[in-house]
């Protein structure tokens, strides 16, 4: 199991606080897959007038098994969702 090295994907990614931040459609993934866990933000719905994200599902998941959810909540707005997710991720990686 220790020899399971994942191949690196070529290309560059946006980084925030030293970790990759990747977005595809309504899913935002933050974190390094080589660490213990990552953060997944799923945009549930958007404001009809502005198009801005309204409800966000925040999930802290195990990076080796993304079906294993460690913590989960629903937040209004991307700022609140990302803020709580960052706190969860930092605490989980310190353990």
N, C-alpha and C. Protein backbone atom coordinates (compact mmCIF):
# COMPACT_ATOMS: atom_id res chain seq x y z
N UNK A 1 0.82 -1.19 0.00
CA UNK A 1 0.00 0.00 0.00
C UNK A 1 0.87 1.26 0.00
N UNK A 2 2.01 1.20 0.65
CA UNK A 2 2.89 2.37 0.70
C UNK A 2 3.49 2.67 -0.66
N UNK A 3 3.52 1.68 -1.54
CA UNK A 3 4.09 1.87 -2.88
C UNK A 3 3.06 2.37 -3.88
N UNK A 4 1.81 2.58 -3.44
CA UNK A 4 0.78 3.09 -4.34
C UNK A 4 1.01 4.57 -4.59
N UNK A 5 1.72 4.87 -5.65
CA UNK A 5 1.97 6.27 -6.00
C UNK A 5 1.03 6.65 -7.13
N UNK A 6 0.27 7.71 -6.92
CA UNK A 6 -0.64 8.17 -7.95
C UNK A 6 0.13 9.00 -8.96
N UNK A 7 -0.14 8.80 -10.23
CA UNK A 7 0.56 9.62 -11.23
C UNK A 7 0.08 11.07 -11.15
N UNK A 8 1.02 11.99 -11.34
CA UNK A 8 0.68 13.40 -11.31
C UNK A 8 0.05 13.79 -12.64
N UNK A 9 -0.95 14.62 -12.57
CA UNK A 9 -1.60 15.12 -13.77
C UNK A 9 -0.79 16.32 -14.26
N UNK A 10 -0.46 16.30 -15.52
CA UNK A 10 0.34 17.40 -16.04
C UNK A 10 -0.51 18.66 -16.16
N UNK A 11 0.14 19.78 -16.11
CA UNK A 11 -0.56 21.05 -16.19
C UNK A 11 -0.46 21.80 -14.88
N UNK A 12 -0.93 23.01 -14.89
CA UNK A 12 -0.87 23.81 -13.67
C UNK A 12 -2.28 24.07 -13.16
N UNK A 13 -2.37 24.21 -11.86
CA UNK A 13 -3.65 24.45 -11.20
C UNK A 13 -3.56 25.73 -10.39
N UNK A 14 -4.70 26.34 -10.20
CA UNK A 14 -4.79 27.46 -9.29
C UNK A 14 -4.51 26.94 -7.90
N UNK A 15 -3.70 27.65 -7.15
CA UNK A 15 -3.42 27.25 -5.78
C UNK A 15 -3.87 28.33 -4.82
N UNK A 16 -4.37 27.90 -3.67
CA UNK A 16 -4.76 28.81 -2.61
C UNK A 16 -4.15 28.27 -1.33
N UNK A 17 -3.36 29.07 -0.67
CA UNK A 17 -2.67 28.68 0.56
C UNK A 17 -1.87 27.39 0.37
N UNK A 18 -1.24 27.25 -0.79
CA UNK A 18 -0.35 26.12 -1.04
C UNK A 18 -1.02 24.82 -1.43
N UNK A 19 -2.33 24.84 -1.65
CA UNK A 19 -3.04 23.62 -2.05
C UNK A 19 -3.81 23.87 -3.34
N UNK A 20 -3.95 22.85 -4.17
CA UNK A 20 -4.67 23.01 -5.45
C UNK A 20 -6.16 23.31 -5.23
N UNK A 21 -6.68 24.15 -6.10
CA UNK A 21 -8.10 24.51 -6.11
C UNK A 21 -8.60 24.29 -7.52
N UNK A 22 -9.48 23.30 -7.69
CA UNK A 22 -9.95 22.89 -9.02
C UNK A 22 -11.46 23.00 -9.07
N UNK A 23 -11.97 23.54 -10.18
CA UNK A 23 -13.42 23.67 -10.36
C UNK A 23 -13.82 23.06 -11.69
N UNK A 24 -14.88 22.27 -11.64
CA UNK A 24 -15.49 21.77 -12.87
C UNK A 24 -17.00 21.86 -12.69
N UNK A 25 -17.64 22.63 -13.56
CA UNK A 25 -19.08 22.88 -13.49
C UNK A 25 -19.44 23.41 -12.11
N UNK A 26 -20.27 22.69 -11.36
CA UNK A 26 -20.72 23.15 -10.05
C UNK A 26 -20.00 22.46 -8.89
N UNK A 27 -18.83 21.90 -9.14
CA UNK A 27 -18.06 21.22 -8.12
C UNK A 27 -16.70 21.90 -7.97
N UNK A 28 -16.35 22.21 -6.73
CA UNK A 28 -15.05 22.81 -6.42
C UNK A 28 -14.34 21.85 -5.47
N UNK A 29 -13.11 21.48 -5.82
CA UNK A 29 -12.32 20.59 -4.97
C UNK A 29 -11.07 21.33 -4.53
N UNK A 30 -10.84 21.30 -3.22
CA UNK A 30 -9.70 22.00 -2.65
C UNK A 30 -8.90 21.02 -1.81
N UNK A 31 -7.62 20.94 -2.06
CA UNK A 31 -6.75 20.11 -1.25
C UNK A 31 -5.83 19.25 -2.09
N UNK A 32 -4.86 18.69 -1.43
CA UNK A 32 -3.85 17.85 -2.06
C UNK A 32 -4.23 16.39 -1.84
N UNK A 33 -4.33 15.64 -2.92
CA UNK A 33 -4.73 14.23 -2.82
C UNK A 33 -3.72 13.38 -2.07
N UNK A 34 -2.50 13.86 -1.88
CA UNK A 34 -1.51 13.10 -1.13
C UNK A 34 -1.69 13.29 0.38
N UNK A 35 -2.53 14.23 0.78
CA UNK A 35 -2.80 14.44 2.20
C UNK A 35 -3.96 13.56 2.65
N UNK A 36 -4.26 13.60 3.92
CA UNK A 36 -5.26 12.74 4.54
C UNK A 36 -6.68 12.96 4.01
N UNK A 37 -7.06 14.21 3.77
CA UNK A 37 -8.41 14.51 3.32
C UNK A 37 -8.44 15.74 2.44
N UNK A 38 -9.56 15.90 1.74
CA UNK A 38 -9.77 17.04 0.84
C UNK A 38 -11.14 17.64 1.10
N UNK A 39 -11.36 18.79 0.52
CA UNK A 39 -12.62 19.50 0.68
C UNK A 39 -13.35 19.54 -0.66
N UNK A 40 -14.64 19.19 -0.64
CA UNK A 40 -15.46 19.24 -1.84
C UNK A 40 -16.63 20.18 -1.58
N UNK A 41 -16.78 21.18 -2.46
CA UNK A 41 -17.90 22.12 -2.38
C UNK A 41 -18.77 21.89 -3.61
N UNK A 42 -20.02 21.56 -3.40
CA UNK A 42 -20.96 21.29 -4.49
C UNK A 42 -22.02 22.38 -4.49
N UNK A 43 -22.11 23.13 -5.58
CA UNK A 43 -23.11 24.20 -5.70
C UNK A 43 -24.47 23.54 -5.97
N UNK A 44 -25.41 23.69 -5.04
CA UNK A 44 -26.72 23.07 -5.14
C UNK A 44 -27.64 23.90 -6.05
N UNK A 45 -27.69 25.19 -5.79
CA UNK A 45 -28.50 26.07 -6.66
C UNK A 45 -27.90 27.47 -6.69
N UNK A 46 -28.36 28.25 -7.66
CA UNK A 46 -27.86 29.60 -7.88
C UNK A 46 -29.02 30.59 -7.82
N UNK A 47 -28.68 31.84 -7.51
CA UNK A 47 -29.64 32.93 -7.54
C UNK A 47 -30.07 33.14 -8.99
N UNK A 48 -31.37 33.23 -9.24
CA UNK A 48 -31.86 33.34 -10.62
C UNK A 48 -31.47 34.65 -11.28
N UNK A 49 -31.41 35.72 -10.51
CA UNK A 49 -31.08 37.02 -11.10
C UNK A 49 -29.58 37.19 -11.33
N UNK A 50 -28.78 36.93 -10.31
CA UNK A 50 -27.34 37.19 -10.42
C UNK A 50 -26.54 35.98 -10.91
N UNK A 51 -27.07 34.78 -10.73
CA UNK A 51 -26.34 33.59 -11.12
C UNK A 51 -25.29 33.16 -10.10
N UNK A 52 -25.21 33.88 -8.98
CA UNK A 52 -24.24 33.54 -7.94
C UNK A 52 -24.68 32.31 -7.16
N UNK A 53 -23.72 31.51 -6.66
CA UNK A 53 -24.08 30.33 -5.86
C UNK A 53 -24.86 30.73 -4.62
N UNK A 54 -25.94 30.00 -4.36
CA UNK A 54 -26.78 30.30 -3.21
C UNK A 54 -26.59 29.25 -2.12
N UNK A 55 -26.89 28.01 -2.40
CA UNK A 55 -26.73 26.93 -1.43
C UNK A 55 -25.55 26.05 -1.87
N UNK A 56 -24.67 25.76 -0.89
CA UNK A 56 -23.46 24.99 -1.16
C UNK A 56 -23.42 23.81 -0.19
N UNK A 57 -23.18 22.62 -0.72
CA UNK A 57 -22.95 21.44 0.10
C UNK A 57 -21.46 21.34 0.34
N UNK A 58 -21.05 21.35 1.62
CA UNK A 58 -19.65 21.29 2.00
C UNK A 58 -19.36 19.91 2.54
N UNK A 59 -18.33 19.24 1.99
CA UNK A 59 -17.97 17.90 2.44
C UNK A 59 -16.47 17.81 2.65
N UNK A 60 -16.08 17.31 3.80
CA UNK A 60 -14.70 16.95 4.06
C UNK A 60 -14.63 15.45 3.87
N UNK A 61 -13.84 15.00 2.90
CA UNK A 61 -13.80 13.57 2.56
C UNK A 61 -12.39 13.03 2.65
N UNK A 62 -12.29 11.72 2.84
CA UNK A 62 -11.02 11.01 2.84
C UNK A 62 -10.46 11.04 1.42
N UNK A 63 -9.21 11.41 1.27
CA UNK A 63 -8.63 11.54 -0.07
C UNK A 63 -8.39 10.18 -0.73
N UNK A 64 -8.26 9.13 0.04
CA UNK A 64 -8.05 7.80 -0.53
C UNK A 64 -9.36 7.15 -0.95
N UNK A 65 -10.45 7.48 -0.25
CA UNK A 65 -11.78 6.95 -0.56
C UNK A 65 -12.77 8.11 -0.50
N UNK A 66 -13.04 8.74 -1.64
CA UNK A 66 -13.89 9.94 -1.65
C UNK A 66 -15.36 9.64 -1.31
N UNK A 67 -15.71 8.37 -1.18
CA UNK A 67 -17.06 8.02 -0.72
C UNK A 67 -17.17 8.09 0.80
N UNK A 68 -16.04 8.17 1.48
CA UNK A 68 -16.03 8.24 2.94
C UNK A 68 -16.07 9.71 3.36
N UNK A 69 -17.24 10.16 3.79
CA UNK A 69 -17.45 11.54 4.19
C UNK A 69 -17.14 11.67 5.68
N UNK A 70 -16.24 12.59 6.02
CA UNK A 70 -15.84 12.81 7.41
C UNK A 70 -16.78 13.81 8.07
N UNK A 71 -17.06 14.92 7.38
CA UNK A 71 -18.00 15.94 7.87
C UNK A 71 -18.75 16.51 6.69
N UNK A 72 -19.96 17.00 6.98
CA UNK A 72 -20.79 17.54 5.90
C UNK A 72 -21.76 18.58 6.47
N UNK A 73 -21.99 19.64 5.70
CA UNK A 73 -22.98 20.65 6.06
C UNK A 73 -23.46 21.35 4.81
N UNK A 74 -24.48 22.15 4.97
CA UNK A 74 -25.04 22.95 3.88
C UNK A 74 -24.93 24.41 4.30
N UNK A 75 -24.35 25.25 3.46
CA UNK A 75 -24.18 26.67 3.79
C UNK A 75 -24.76 27.55 2.69
N UNK A 76 -25.14 28.75 3.07
CA UNK A 76 -25.62 29.73 2.10
C UNK A 76 -24.44 30.61 1.70
N UNK A 77 -24.12 30.64 0.44
CA UNK A 77 -23.04 31.48 -0.08
C UNK A 77 -21.70 30.78 -0.08
N UNK A 78 -20.92 31.09 -1.09
CA UNK A 78 -19.62 30.47 -1.27
C UNK A 78 -18.63 30.87 -0.18
N UNK A 79 -18.69 32.10 0.27
CA UNK A 79 -17.77 32.56 1.31
C UNK A 79 -17.93 31.75 2.60
N UNK A 80 -19.16 31.61 3.07
CA UNK A 80 -19.40 30.85 4.31
C UNK A 80 -19.02 29.38 4.14
N UNK A 81 -19.33 28.82 2.98
CA UNK A 81 -19.03 27.41 2.72
C UNK A 81 -17.53 27.16 2.72
N UNK A 82 -16.78 28.02 2.02
CA UNK A 82 -15.34 27.83 1.94
C UNK A 82 -14.68 28.10 3.28
N UNK A 83 -15.19 29.06 4.03
CA UNK A 83 -14.63 29.39 5.35
C UNK A 83 -14.74 28.21 6.31
N UNK A 84 -15.91 27.61 6.43
CA UNK A 84 -16.07 26.47 7.34
C UNK A 84 -15.27 25.27 6.84
N UNK A 85 -15.22 25.10 5.52
CA UNK A 85 -14.46 24.00 4.95
C UNK A 85 -12.97 24.11 5.24
N UNK A 86 -12.43 25.32 5.16
CA UNK A 86 -11.01 25.52 5.46
C UNK A 86 -10.69 25.18 6.91
N UNK A 87 -11.56 25.57 7.82
CA UNK A 87 -11.36 25.26 9.24
C UNK A 87 -11.37 23.75 9.44
N UNK A 88 -12.34 23.06 8.86
CA UNK A 88 -12.42 21.60 8.99
C UNK A 88 -11.17 20.93 8.43
N UNK A 89 -10.74 21.37 7.25
CA UNK A 89 -9.59 20.76 6.60
C UNK A 89 -8.33 20.95 7.43
N UNK A 90 -8.09 22.16 7.89
CA UNK A 90 -6.88 22.42 8.70
C UNK A 90 -6.88 21.60 9.98
N UNK A 91 -8.01 21.50 10.65
CA UNK A 91 -8.10 20.71 11.88
C UNK A 91 -7.88 19.23 11.61
N UNK A 92 -8.45 18.73 10.53
CA UNK A 92 -8.30 17.31 10.19
C UNK A 92 -6.86 16.98 9.83
N UNK A 93 -6.18 17.88 9.15
CA UNK A 93 -4.79 17.61 8.76
C UNK A 93 -3.82 17.76 9.92
N UNK A 94 -4.21 18.46 10.98
CA UNK A 94 -3.36 18.59 12.16
C UNK A 94 -3.42 17.36 13.05
N UNK A 95 -4.49 16.60 12.94
CA UNK A 95 -4.67 15.41 13.79
C UNK A 95 -3.73 14.31 13.40
